[in-house]
C-alpha atoms as a PDB file:
ATOM      1  CA  UNK A   1    -204.793  33.860  99.132  1.00  0.00           C
ATOM      2  CA  UNK A   2    -207.134  36.161  97.308  1.00  0.00           C
ATOM      3  CA  UNK A   3    -211.082  36.148  97.817  1.00  0.00           C
ATOM      4  CA  UNK A   4    -211.603  33.915  94.650  1.00  0.00           C
ATOM      5  CA  UNK A   5    -209.206  31.376  95.979  1.00  0.00           C
ATOM      6  CA  UNK A   6    -210.833  31.326  99.370  1.00  0.00           C
ATOM      7  CA  UNK A   7    -214.205  30.921  98.035  1.00  0.00           C
ATOM      8  CA  UNK A   8    -213.126  28.031  95.797  1.00  0.00           C
ATOM      9  CA  UNK A   9    -211.370  26.302  98.668  1.00  0.00           C
ATOM     10  CA  UNK A  10    -214.509  26.498 100.670  1.00  0.00           C
ATOM     11  CA  UNK A  11    -216.436  25.059  97.865  1.00  0.00           C
ATOM     12  CA  UNK A  12    -214.136  22.280  97.352  1.00  0.00           C
ATOM     13  CA  UNK A  13    -213.836  21.602 101.222  1.00  0.00           C
ATOM     14  CA  UNK A  14    -217.798  21.736 101.506  1.00  0.00           C
ATOM     15  CA  UNK A  15    -218.511  19.371  98.421  1.00  0.00           C
ATOM     16  CA  UNK A  16    -215.282  17.040  98.445  1.00  0.00           C
ATOM     17  CA  UNK A  17    -214.685  15.877 102.020  1.00  0.00           C
ATOM     18  CA  UNK A  18    -211.404  14.092 100.851  1.00  0.00           C
ATOM     19  CA  UNK A  19    -209.726  17.436 100.110  1.00  0.00           C
ATOM     20  CA  UNK A  20    -209.914  18.117 103.807  1.00  0.00           C
ATOM     21  CA  UNK A  21    -208.411  14.677 104.589  1.00  0.00           C
ATOM     22  CA  UNK A  22    -205.423  15.301 102.336  1.00  0.00           C
ATOM     23  CA  UNK A  23    -205.280  18.806 103.563  1.00  0.00           C
ATOM     24  CA  UNK A  24    -205.521  20.385 100.075  1.00  0.00           C
ATOM     25  CA  UNK A  25    -205.233  24.154  99.829  1.00  0.00           C
ATOM     26  CA  UNK A  26    -205.582  26.589  96.856  1.00  0.00           C
ATOM     27  CA  UNK A  27    -202.685  29.004  97.570  1.00  0.00           C
ATOM     28  CA  UNK A  28    -203.204  31.185  94.315  1.00  0.00           C
ATOM     29  CA  UNK A  29    -205.908  31.604  91.833  1.00  0.00           C
ATOM     30  CA  UNK A  30    -205.824  33.740  88.712  1.00  0.00           C
ATOM     31  CA  UNK A  31    -207.644  34.100  85.577  1.00  0.00           C
ATOM     32  CA  UNK A  32    -205.998  30.941  84.046  1.00  0.00           C
ATOM     33  CA  UNK A  33    -203.621  29.975  86.963  1.00  0.00           C
ATOM     34  CA  UNK A  34    -204.215  27.632  89.990  1.00  0.00           C
ATOM     35  CA  UNK A  35    -201.684  26.712  92.703  1.00  0.00           C
ATOM     36  CA  UNK A  36    -202.362  24.280  95.270  1.00  0.00           C
ATOM     37  CA  UNK A  37    -200.694  22.336  97.904  1.00  0.00           C
ATOM     38  CA  UNK A  38    -201.058  19.356 100.317  1.00  0.00           C
ATOM     39  CA  UNK A  39    -198.353  18.583 102.746  1.00  0.00           C
ATOM     40  CA  UNK A  40    -196.585  15.133 102.693  1.00  0.00           C
ATOM     41  CA  UNK A  41    -197.339  14.032 106.095  1.00  0.00           C
ATOM     42  CA  UNK A  42    -201.189  13.235 105.860  1.00  0.00           C
ATOM     43  CA  UNK A  43    -200.271  11.961 102.212  1.00  0.00           C
ATOM     44  CA  UNK A  44    -197.253   9.518 103.085  1.00  0.00           C
ATOM     45  CA  UNK A  45    -196.930   6.016 101.786  1.00  0.00           C
ATOM     46  CA  UNK A  46    -194.511   3.231 103.389  1.00  0.00           C
ATOM     47  CA  UNK A  47    -191.693   4.581 101.260  1.00  0.00           C
ATOM     48  CA  UNK A  48    -191.659   8.071 102.748  1.00  0.00           C
ATOM     49  CA  UNK A  49    -192.831   9.484  99.519  1.00  0.00           C
ATOM     50  CA  UNK A  50    -196.430  10.750  98.400  1.00  0.00           C
ATOM     51  CA  UNK A  51    -199.170   8.123  98.421  1.00  0.00           C
ATOM     52  CA  UNK A  52    -200.203   7.589  94.839  1.00  0.00           C
ATOM     53  CA  UNK A  53    -203.892   8.012  95.615  1.00  0.00           C
ATOM     54  CA  UNK A  54    -203.476  11.202  97.032  1.00  0.00           C
ATOM     55  CA  UNK A  55    -201.228  12.383  94.179  1.00  0.00           C
ATOM     56  CA  UNK A  56    -203.974  11.404  91.803  1.00  0.00           C
ATOM     57  CA  UNK A  57    -206.628  13.179  94.121  1.00  0.00           C
ATOM     58  CA  UNK A  58    -204.532  16.407  94.144  1.00  0.00           C
ATOM     59  CA  UNK A  59    -204.378  16.518  90.508  1.00  0.00           C
ATOM     60  CA  UNK A  60    -207.910  15.878  89.883  1.00  0.00           C
ATOM     61  CA  UNK A  61    -208.781  18.466  92.587  1.00  0.00           C
ATOM     62  CA  UNK A  62    -206.700  20.986  90.807  1.00  0.00           C
ATOM     63  CA  UNK A  63    -208.038  20.248  87.518  1.00  0.00           C
ATOM     64  CA  UNK A  64    -211.517  20.406  88.775  1.00  0.00           C
ATOM     65  CA  UNK A  65    -210.836  23.410  90.750  1.00  0.00           C
ATOM     66  CA  UNK A  66    -209.474  25.447  87.644  1.00  0.00           C
ATOM     67  CA  UNK A  67    -212.329  24.238  85.431  1.00  0.00           C
ATOM     68  CA  UNK A  68    -214.852  25.400  87.999  1.00  0.00           C
ATOM     69  CA  UNK A  69    -213.377  28.635  88.475  1.00  0.00           C
ATOM     70  CA  UNK A  70    -213.445  29.207  84.728  1.00  0.00           C
ATOM     71  CA  UNK A  71    -217.042  28.344  84.583  1.00  0.00           C
ATOM     72  CA  UNK A  72    -217.716  30.710  87.380  1.00  0.00           C
ATOM     73  CA  UNK A  73    -215.930  33.482  85.748  1.00  0.00           C
ATOM     74  CA  UNK A  74    -217.629  33.151  82.637  1.00  0.00           C
ATOM     75  CA  UNK A  75    -220.948  33.369  84.585  1.00  0.00           C
ATOM     76  CA  UNK A  76    -222.150  30.005  82.821  1.00  0.00           C
ATOM     77  CA  UNK A  77    -225.213  28.319  84.331  1.00  0.00           C
ATOM     78  CA  UNK A  78    -223.205  24.791  84.554  1.00  0.00           C
ATOM     79  CA  UNK A  79    -221.926  22.168  86.859  1.00  0.00           C
ATOM     80  CA  UNK A  80    -218.824  20.375  86.280  1.00  0.00           C
ATOM     81  CA  UNK A  81    -218.972  16.731  86.977  1.00  0.00           C
ATOM     82  CA  UNK A  82    -216.310  14.288  86.610  1.00  0.00           C
ATOM     83  CA  UNK A  83    -217.304  11.208  84.922  1.00  0.00           C
END
């Protein structure tokens, strides 16, 4: 994990407590790419597969993370808010 990925990870965990509950991690962060992971164990459903709510959260956290990173890289004075 590079410094940018670690910083984004820290900001996500600080601002979005659910990310800690699903054990969300930014594993790779580049100029236009993000890779994340969340283990199955804390996100499992009764069928032994990924819980839909956790999968949705994983997707939204990933999209928010990359967009937030792009805003930061562009040095824009902006906040990213999901509506």
